[in-house]
Protein backbone atom coordinates (compact mmCIF):
# COMPACT_ATOMS: atom_id res chain seq x y z
CA MET A 1 -13.52 -21.61 31.44
CA VAL A 2 -16.22 -24.26 30.98
CA ILE A 3 -19.19 -23.27 28.83
CA GLU A 4 -22.24 -25.52 29.20
CA ARG A 5 -25.49 -25.30 27.25
CA ARG A 6 -27.45 -27.17 29.90
CA PRO A 7 -28.32 -25.81 33.37
CA HIS A 8 -25.80 -28.19 34.93
CA THR A 9 -22.33 -29.57 34.27
CA GLY A 10 -21.52 -33.21 33.62
CA GLY A 11 -23.21 -33.74 30.27
CA ASN A 12 -24.96 -37.08 29.98
CA ILE A 13 -23.52 -38.52 33.21
CA TYR A 14 -25.28 -35.91 35.35
CA CYS A 15 -27.34 -37.34 38.23
CA GLU A 16 -30.38 -35.92 40.02
CA SER A 17 -30.92 -36.74 43.70
CA VAL A 18 -34.46 -38.04 44.28
CA GLU A 19 -35.42 -39.45 47.71
CA GLY A 20 -31.75 -40.13 48.40
CA ILE A 21 -31.32 -41.99 45.10
CA ASN A 22 -28.90 -40.76 42.41
CA VAL A 23 -30.96 -40.87 39.22
CA HIS A 24 -28.97 -41.11 35.97
CA LYS A 25 -30.95 -38.40 34.19
CA TYR A 26 -29.68 -39.18 30.68
CA GLY A 27 -29.48 -42.95 30.92
CA ALA A 28 -27.42 -45.49 32.80
CA HIS A 29 -23.65 -45.02 32.83
CA ILE A 30 -21.46 -47.82 34.14
CA PHE A 31 -17.73 -47.22 34.38
CA HIS A 32 -15.52 -50.13 33.30
CA THR A 33 -11.89 -50.38 32.21
CA SER A 34 -8.82 -52.58 32.26
CA ASN A 35 -6.55 -49.54 32.13
CA ARG A 36 -5.05 -49.14 35.60
CA GLU A 37 -3.98 -45.56 34.88
CA VAL A 38 -7.55 -44.55 34.03
CA TRP A 39 -8.97 -46.42 37.05
CA ASN A 40 -6.47 -44.82 39.43
CA PHE A 41 -7.17 -41.41 37.91
CA VAL A 42 -10.92 -41.47 38.48
CA ASN A 43 -10.50 -43.02 41.94
CA SER A 44 -8.11 -40.23 42.88
CA ILE A 45 -11.09 -37.89 42.46
CA VAL A 46 -13.83 -40.03 44.03
CA GLU A 47 -13.89 -43.60 45.28
CA PHE A 48 -15.82 -46.05 43.09
CA ASN A 49 -18.06 -48.79 44.49
CA ARG A 50 -18.27 -52.49 43.62
CA TYR A 51 -21.23 -52.38 41.23
CA THR A 52 -21.05 -55.19 38.64
CA ASN A 53 -23.25 -54.93 35.57
CA SER A 54 -25.38 -58.08 35.23
CA PRO A 55 -28.41 -57.19 33.09
CA VAL A 56 -31.43 -59.43 32.62
CA ALA A 57 -33.50 -59.79 29.45
CA ASN A 58 -37.27 -60.14 29.57
CA TYR A 59 -38.74 -61.79 26.47
CA LYS A 60 -42.50 -62.31 26.63
CA GLY A 61 -42.35 -62.70 30.39
CA ARG A 62 -39.43 -65.13 30.49
CA LEU A 63 -36.14 -63.98 31.98
CA TYR A 64 -32.67 -64.62 30.54
CA ASN A 65 -29.28 -63.66 31.90
CA LEU A 66 -26.93 -61.48 29.87
CA PRO A 67 -24.38 -61.61 28.37
CA PHE A 68 -24.94 -64.95 26.64
CA ASN A 69 -23.49 -67.49 29.06
CA MET A 70 -24.22 -70.89 30.58
CA ASN A 71 -27.15 -69.43 32.54
CA THR A 72 -28.64 -68.12 29.27
CA PHE A 73 -28.14 -71.43 27.49
CA TYR A 74 -29.79 -73.33 30.35
CA GLN A 75 -32.73 -70.91 30.34
CA MET A 76 -33.03 -71.21 26.56
CA TRP A 77 -32.45 -74.95 26.01
CA GLY A 78 -31.97 -76.65 29.38
CA THR A 79 -28.32 -77.45 28.59
CA LYS A 80 -26.23 -78.01 31.72
CA SER A 81 -22.67 -78.40 30.44
CA PRO A 82 -20.48 -76.38 28.08
CA ALA A 83 -20.34 -79.39 25.73
CA GLU A 84 -24.14 -79.56 25.49
CA ALA A 85 -24.38 -75.82 24.89
CA ARG A 86 -21.67 -75.89 22.19
CA THR A 87 -23.46 -78.75 20.43
CA LYS A 88 -26.76 -76.88 20.40
CA LEU A 89 -25.12 -73.70 19.11
CA ALA A 90 -23.23 -75.63 16.43
CA GLU A 91 -26.48 -77.17 15.15
CA GLN A 92 -28.20 -73.79 14.84
CA ARG A 93 -25.16 -72.08 13.33
CA ALA A 94 -24.89 -74.83 10.71
CA GLU A 95 -28.48 -74.17 9.64
CA ALA A 96 -27.71 -70.46 9.20
CA VAL A 97 -24.49 -71.11 7.26
CA ALA A 98 -26.29 -73.55 4.95
CA ALA A 99 -28.98 -70.96 4.25
CA LEU A 100 -26.31 -68.53 3.01
CA GLY A 101 -25.16 -70.99 0.35
CA GLY A 102 -21.51 -70.00 0.64
CA ARG A 103 -21.93 -66.23 0.43
CA GLU A 104 -21.04 -63.67 3.12
CA PRO A 105 -23.79 -62.29 5.41
CA ALA A 106 -25.47 -59.34 3.70
CA ASN A 107 -27.16 -57.82 6.73
CA LEU A 108 -27.34 -57.86 10.52
CA GLU A 109 -29.89 -60.66 10.61
CA GLU A 110 -27.76 -63.05 8.58
CA GLN A 111 -24.65 -62.11 10.55
CA ALA A 112 -26.34 -62.72 13.91
CA LEU A 113 -27.80 -66.07 12.81
CA ILE A 114 -24.39 -67.50 11.92
CA LEU A 115 -23.02 -66.27 15.27
CA VAL A 116 -25.70 -67.47 17.71
CA GLY A 117 -28.37 -69.36 15.75
CA ARG A 118 -32.11 -68.97 15.45
CA ASP A 119 -33.30 -69.29 19.08
CA ILE A 120 -31.08 -66.67 20.71
CA TYR A 121 -31.44 -64.35 17.75
CA THR A 122 -35.23 -64.52 17.81
CA ALA A 123 -35.67 -64.04 21.56
CA LEU A 124 -32.81 -61.76 22.54
CA ILE A 125 -31.55 -59.88 19.47
CA LYS A 126 -34.03 -59.37 16.64
CA GLU A 127 -36.88 -57.34 18.12
CA TYR A 128 -34.68 -55.53 20.63
CA THR A 129 -32.31 -54.40 17.88
CA GLU A 130 -35.19 -53.29 15.67
CA LYS A 131 -36.55 -51.18 18.53
CA GLN A 132 -33.13 -49.62 19.05
CA TRP A 133 -32.56 -48.70 15.42
CA GLY A 134 -36.12 -48.28 14.16
CA ARG A 135 -35.30 -50.55 11.22
CA GLU A 136 -35.67 -54.22 10.34
CA CYS A 137 -32.57 -56.27 11.10
CA SER A 138 -32.55 -57.34 7.46
CA GLN A 139 -32.09 -53.66 6.55
CA LEU A 140 -29.18 -53.03 8.92
CA PRO A 141 -25.55 -53.59 7.84
CA ALA A 142 -23.83 -56.77 9.01
CA PHE A 143 -20.85 -54.92 10.51
CA ILE A 144 -22.99 -53.58 13.38
CA ILE A 145 -22.89 -57.02 14.95
CA ARG A 146 -19.59 -58.51 13.74
CA ARG A 147 -19.20 -60.54 16.91
CA LEU A 148 -21.32 -61.59 19.87
CA PRO A 149 -19.52 -62.71 23.02
CA LEU A 150 -20.44 -66.22 24.18
CA ARG A 151 -19.32 -67.46 27.59
CA PHE A 152 -19.27 -71.13 28.42
CA ALA A 153 -19.29 -70.43 32.15
CA TYR A 154 -21.99 -69.41 34.61
CA ASP A 155 -20.84 -65.78 34.58
CA ASN A 156 -23.34 -62.91 34.40
CA ASN A 157 -20.74 -60.13 34.56
CA TYR A 158 -21.46 -58.16 31.39
CA PHE A 159 -17.97 -56.71 31.06
CA ASN A 160 -14.62 -58.46 30.78
CA ASP A 161 -12.73 -55.47 32.18
CA THR A 162 -10.58 -55.69 35.30
CA TYR A 163 -12.31 -52.77 37.00
CA GLN A 164 -15.89 -51.54 37.08
CA GLY A 165 -18.12 -49.54 39.38
CA ILE A 166 -20.06 -46.35 40.04
CA PRO A 167 -18.69 -43.28 41.87
CA CYS A 168 -19.71 -43.39 45.54
CA GLY A 169 -22.28 -40.62 45.82
CA GLY A 170 -22.95 -40.52 42.09
CA TYR A 171 -21.27 -39.13 38.99
CA ASN A 172 -21.71 -35.52 40.11
CA LYS A 173 -18.92 -36.16 42.61
CA LEU A 174 -16.60 -37.06 39.74
CA ILE A 175 -17.58 -33.99 37.71
CA GLU A 176 -17.19 -31.67 40.70
CA GLY A 177 -13.69 -33.02 41.25
CA LEU A 178 -12.71 -32.73 37.60
CA LEU A 179 -13.90 -29.11 37.39
CA ARG A 180 -12.64 -27.93 40.77
CA GLY A 181 -11.04 -24.51 40.33
CA CYS A 182 -12.63 -23.91 36.91
CA ASP A 183 -14.79 -20.96 35.95
CA ILE A 184 -18.13 -22.39 34.84
CA GLU A 185 -20.98 -20.80 32.92
CA THR A 186 -24.15 -22.89 32.52
CA ASN A 187 -27.27 -22.15 30.44
CA CYS A 188 -24.87 -20.77 27.85
CA ASP A 189 -25.07 -21.72 24.18
CA PHE A 190 -21.52 -21.38 22.87
CA PHE A 191 -22.64 -20.28 19.41
CA GLU A 192 -25.06 -17.65 20.67
CA SER A 193 -22.75 -16.17 23.29
CA ARG A 194 -19.83 -13.81 23.26
CA TYR A 195 -17.58 -16.87 23.61
CA ALA A 196 -18.22 -17.78 19.96
CA ALA A 197 -15.34 -15.38 19.34
CA TRP A 198 -13.35 -17.62 21.65
CA ARG A 199 -9.89 -16.54 20.48
CA GLU A 200 -10.48 -13.24 22.28
CA TYR A 201 -10.67 -15.18 25.55
CA ALA A 202 -8.38 -18.21 25.17
CA ASP A 203 -5.48 -19.68 23.22
CA LYS A 204 -7.13 -23.07 22.81
CA LEU A 205 -10.65 -24.49 22.59
CA VAL A 206 -11.75 -28.00 23.56
CA TYR A 207 -15.00 -28.49 21.68
CA THR A 208 -17.34 -31.35 22.64
CA GLY A 209 -20.49 -30.33 20.78
CA ALA A 210 -21.73 -31.60 17.43
CA ILE A 211 -19.04 -31.30 14.77
CA ASP A 212 -21.51 -30.42 11.99
CA ARG A 213 -22.87 -27.54 14.11
CA PHE A 214 -19.35 -26.15 14.58
CA PHE A 215 -19.01 -25.82 10.81
CA ASP A 216 -22.56 -24.51 10.38
CA TYR A 217 -23.69 -27.73 8.66
CA CYS A 218 -21.69 -26.78 5.56
CA PHE A 219 -21.71 -30.38 4.23
CA GLY A 220 -25.14 -31.29 5.61
CA ARG A 221 -26.50 -32.63 8.89
CA LEU A 222 -25.29 -35.81 10.54
CA GLU A 223 -27.95 -38.24 11.75
CA TYR A 224 -28.42 -39.81 15.19
CA ARG A 225 -30.62 -42.09 17.19
CA THR A 226 -31.82 -40.66 20.48
CA VAL A 227 -33.52 -41.84 23.66
CA ARG A 228 -36.66 -40.71 25.43
CA PHE A 229 -37.05 -41.42 29.15
CA GLU A 230 -40.12 -41.89 31.29
CA THR A 231 -38.96 -41.63 34.88
CA GLU A 232 -41.25 -42.57 37.76
CA MET A 233 -40.91 -42.69 41.56
CA LEU A 234 -42.61 -45.73 43.08
CA ASP A 235 -43.83 -46.21 46.63
CA MET A 236 -41.86 -49.43 47.15
CA SER A 237 -38.28 -50.23 48.05
CA ASN A 238 -37.50 -52.61 45.19
CA TYR A 239 -39.25 -52.81 41.82
CA GLN A 240 -37.32 -55.29 39.66
CA GLY A 241 -34.42 -56.51 41.77
CA ASN A 242 -31.79 -55.42 39.26
CA ALA A 243 -30.39 -52.18 37.87
CA VAL A 244 -30.99 -53.09 34.21
CA VAL A 245 -33.73 -55.20 32.64
CA ASN A 246 -33.90 -55.27 28.83
CA TYR A 247 -37.25 -55.87 27.17
CA THR A 248 -36.46 -57.75 23.97
CA ASP A 249 -40.08 -58.30 22.89
CA GLY A 250 -41.11 -55.96 20.09
CA ASN A 251 -44.61 -55.59 21.55
CA VAL A 252 -43.13 -53.76 24.56
CA PRO A 253 -42.46 -50.20 23.34
CA TYR A 254 -39.49 -49.44 25.57
CA THR A 255 -36.09 -51.10 25.30
CA ARG A 256 -35.27 -51.37 28.98
CA ILE A 257 -36.09 -50.30 32.53
CA ILE A 258 -33.40 -48.88 34.77
CA GLU A 259 -33.89 -49.03 38.55
CA HIS A 260 -31.37 -46.47 39.71
CA LYS A 261 -30.89 -47.39 43.37
CA HIS A 262 -29.28 -50.73 42.44
CA PHE A 263 -26.23 -48.88 41.11
CA GLU A 264 -25.25 -47.76 44.61
CA MET A 265 -27.31 -49.77 47.12
CA PHE A 266 -26.67 -53.44 47.76
CA GLY A 267 -28.10 -56.14 50.00
CA ASP A 268 -30.11 -54.93 52.98
CA ASP A 269 -29.37 -51.28 52.13
CA ILE A 270 -31.92 -51.47 49.29
CA ASP A 271 -34.84 -51.76 51.71
CA LYS A 272 -33.58 -48.96 53.96
CA VAL A 273 -34.77 -46.46 51.35
CA PRO A 274 -38.56 -47.01 51.16
CA LYS A 275 -39.00 -45.63 47.64
CA THR A 276 -37.44 -46.40 44.29
CA VAL A 277 -37.03 -44.61 40.96
CA ILE A 278 -37.29 -46.33 37.58
CA SER A 279 -36.73 -45.03 34.04
CA ARG A 280 -38.24 -46.60 30.94
CA GLU A 281 -36.11 -45.99 27.86
CA TYR A 282 -37.54 -45.55 24.37
CA SER A 283 -35.26 -45.50 21.34
CA VAL A 284 -36.51 -42.93 18.81
CA GLU A 285 -35.42 -41.14 15.66
CA TYR A 286 -33.55 -37.92 16.31
CA ALA A 287 -35.22 -34.63 15.40
CA GLU A 288 -34.04 -31.05 15.76
CA GLY A 289 -34.22 -29.93 19.38
CA MET A 290 -33.72 -33.43 20.81
CA GLU A 291 -30.55 -34.72 22.43
CA PRO A 292 -28.34 -36.62 19.94
CA TYR A 293 -27.17 -39.90 21.44
CA TYR A 294 -25.90 -42.49 18.99
CA PRO A 295 -24.12 -41.86 15.67
CA ILE A 296 -25.61 -43.79 12.75
CA ASN A 297 -22.73 -45.63 11.15
CA ASP A 298 -24.06 -46.09 7.64
CA ASN A 299 -22.23 -45.16 4.44
CA ARG A 300 -23.89 -41.75 4.07
CA ASN A 301 -23.14 -40.57 7.61
CA ASN A 302 -19.62 -42.02 7.71
CA ALA A 303 -18.71 -40.18 4.51
CA LEU A 304 -20.21 -36.96 5.83
CA ALA A 305 -18.40 -37.29 9.15
CA ASN A 306 -15.10 -37.83 7.34
CA SER A 307 -15.64 -34.57 5.45
CA TYR A 308 -16.11 -32.73 8.72
CA ARG A 309 -13.10 -34.42 10.30
CA GLU A 310 -10.91 -33.29 7.41
CA VAL A 311 -11.77 -29.62 7.93
CA ALA A 312 -11.52 -30.08 11.70
CA CYS A 313 -7.89 -31.16 11.31
CA ARG A 314 -7.14 -27.78 9.78
CA GLU A 315 -8.81 -25.81 12.56
CA HIS A 316 -6.07 -24.00 14.48
CA ASN A 317 -5.88 -24.62 18.25
CA VAL A 318 -9.17 -26.52 18.49
CA ILE A 319 -9.41 -30.00 19.99
CA PHE A 320 -12.53 -31.88 18.89
CA GLY A 321 -13.32 -34.51 21.50
CA GLY A 322 -16.18 -36.82 22.42
CA ARG A 323 -19.09 -38.61 20.78
CA LEU A 324 -20.58 -35.54 19.12
CA ALA A 325 -17.38 -33.76 18.14
CA GLU A 326 -15.87 -36.91 16.63
CA TYR A 327 -19.14 -38.58 15.55
CA ARG A 328 -18.02 -41.81 17.17
CA TYR A 329 -19.51 -43.96 19.91
CA TYR A 330 -17.37 -43.88 23.06
CA ASP A 331 -17.61 -45.46 26.48
CA MET A 332 -16.38 -43.28 29.33
CA ALA A 333 -13.08 -44.98 30.11
CA PRO A 334 -11.67 -44.99 26.53
CA LEU A 335 -12.56 -41.32 26.26
CA ILE A 336 -10.67 -40.53 29.46
CA GLU A 337 -7.73 -42.55 28.15
CA ARG A 338 -7.82 -40.56 24.95
CA ALA A 339 -8.00 -37.26 26.83
CA LEU A 340 -4.99 -38.18 28.97
CA LYS A 341 -2.93 -38.75 25.80
CA ILE A 342 -3.87 -35.56 23.97
CA GLU A 343 -1.01 -33.12 23.59
CA LEU A 344 -2.10 -29.62 24.48
């Protein structure tokens, strides 16, 4: 039995079909993994396409490739060889290290500066990160950005994983396959339904909701960041030429624009569908009634989450799984890998 609070299954990977385009209703989801078992598992349910994530950053009207690679360095400094790029980075890193005077970085800003230097930090990290978290980088802990991948090759593939793609026909195909043969009840709040007394119906519960809600907030409420979407259908076949464009300028209120058709349509197929759908994403503080997206990994919330995890371990025949139930950030593939290893 699957109990779902929303009017549909699939959680945040649910897609809506609009003008033949699968719109990622709760934000872009790109499947990537190097685990062959996980890749074969999802492809046994639905075939995945060849989509490769290659986002672009727009900073004050100038475009930069992501992740940071030789294309980015050329766009930033005009460097044409790995040696030139390494020299430029070394100069800027040295300035940041000297400014610390021998001490460890105390915040995200100082950590980022010693990793990538002033130019990349200013254009591609600082204002974008502050929009995401709603806080100055100098007020965010250094561990959030312990490392930043740098590629000294002209490679715009965001992920290093062996496999990546999107389910052909959208993520609903994957969910339908996973839940085939299950009893499903949507528009059903677990805590306000008869299933709250779940032991009358089942021997085991897999709980994927918020862990603090399960324990009636007995230690207090965990905090999140969330996302607001403005989705718009446009009377054109191609708006931005890419699935993901990040807006790293703080004067632009949204963090990125997703153009959904690029996840599943390539080449000439893009123009065969005369309309397109875009979503502007705004990172905002979570408030009651909103969808919780990202755990806030500061000292207060980590300590609170550990208190809930301790009592969860003593809960008989309940498996707490997922971002909300574990208060941890997960990509899809690691979560599937974890689920495959759980002993029922």
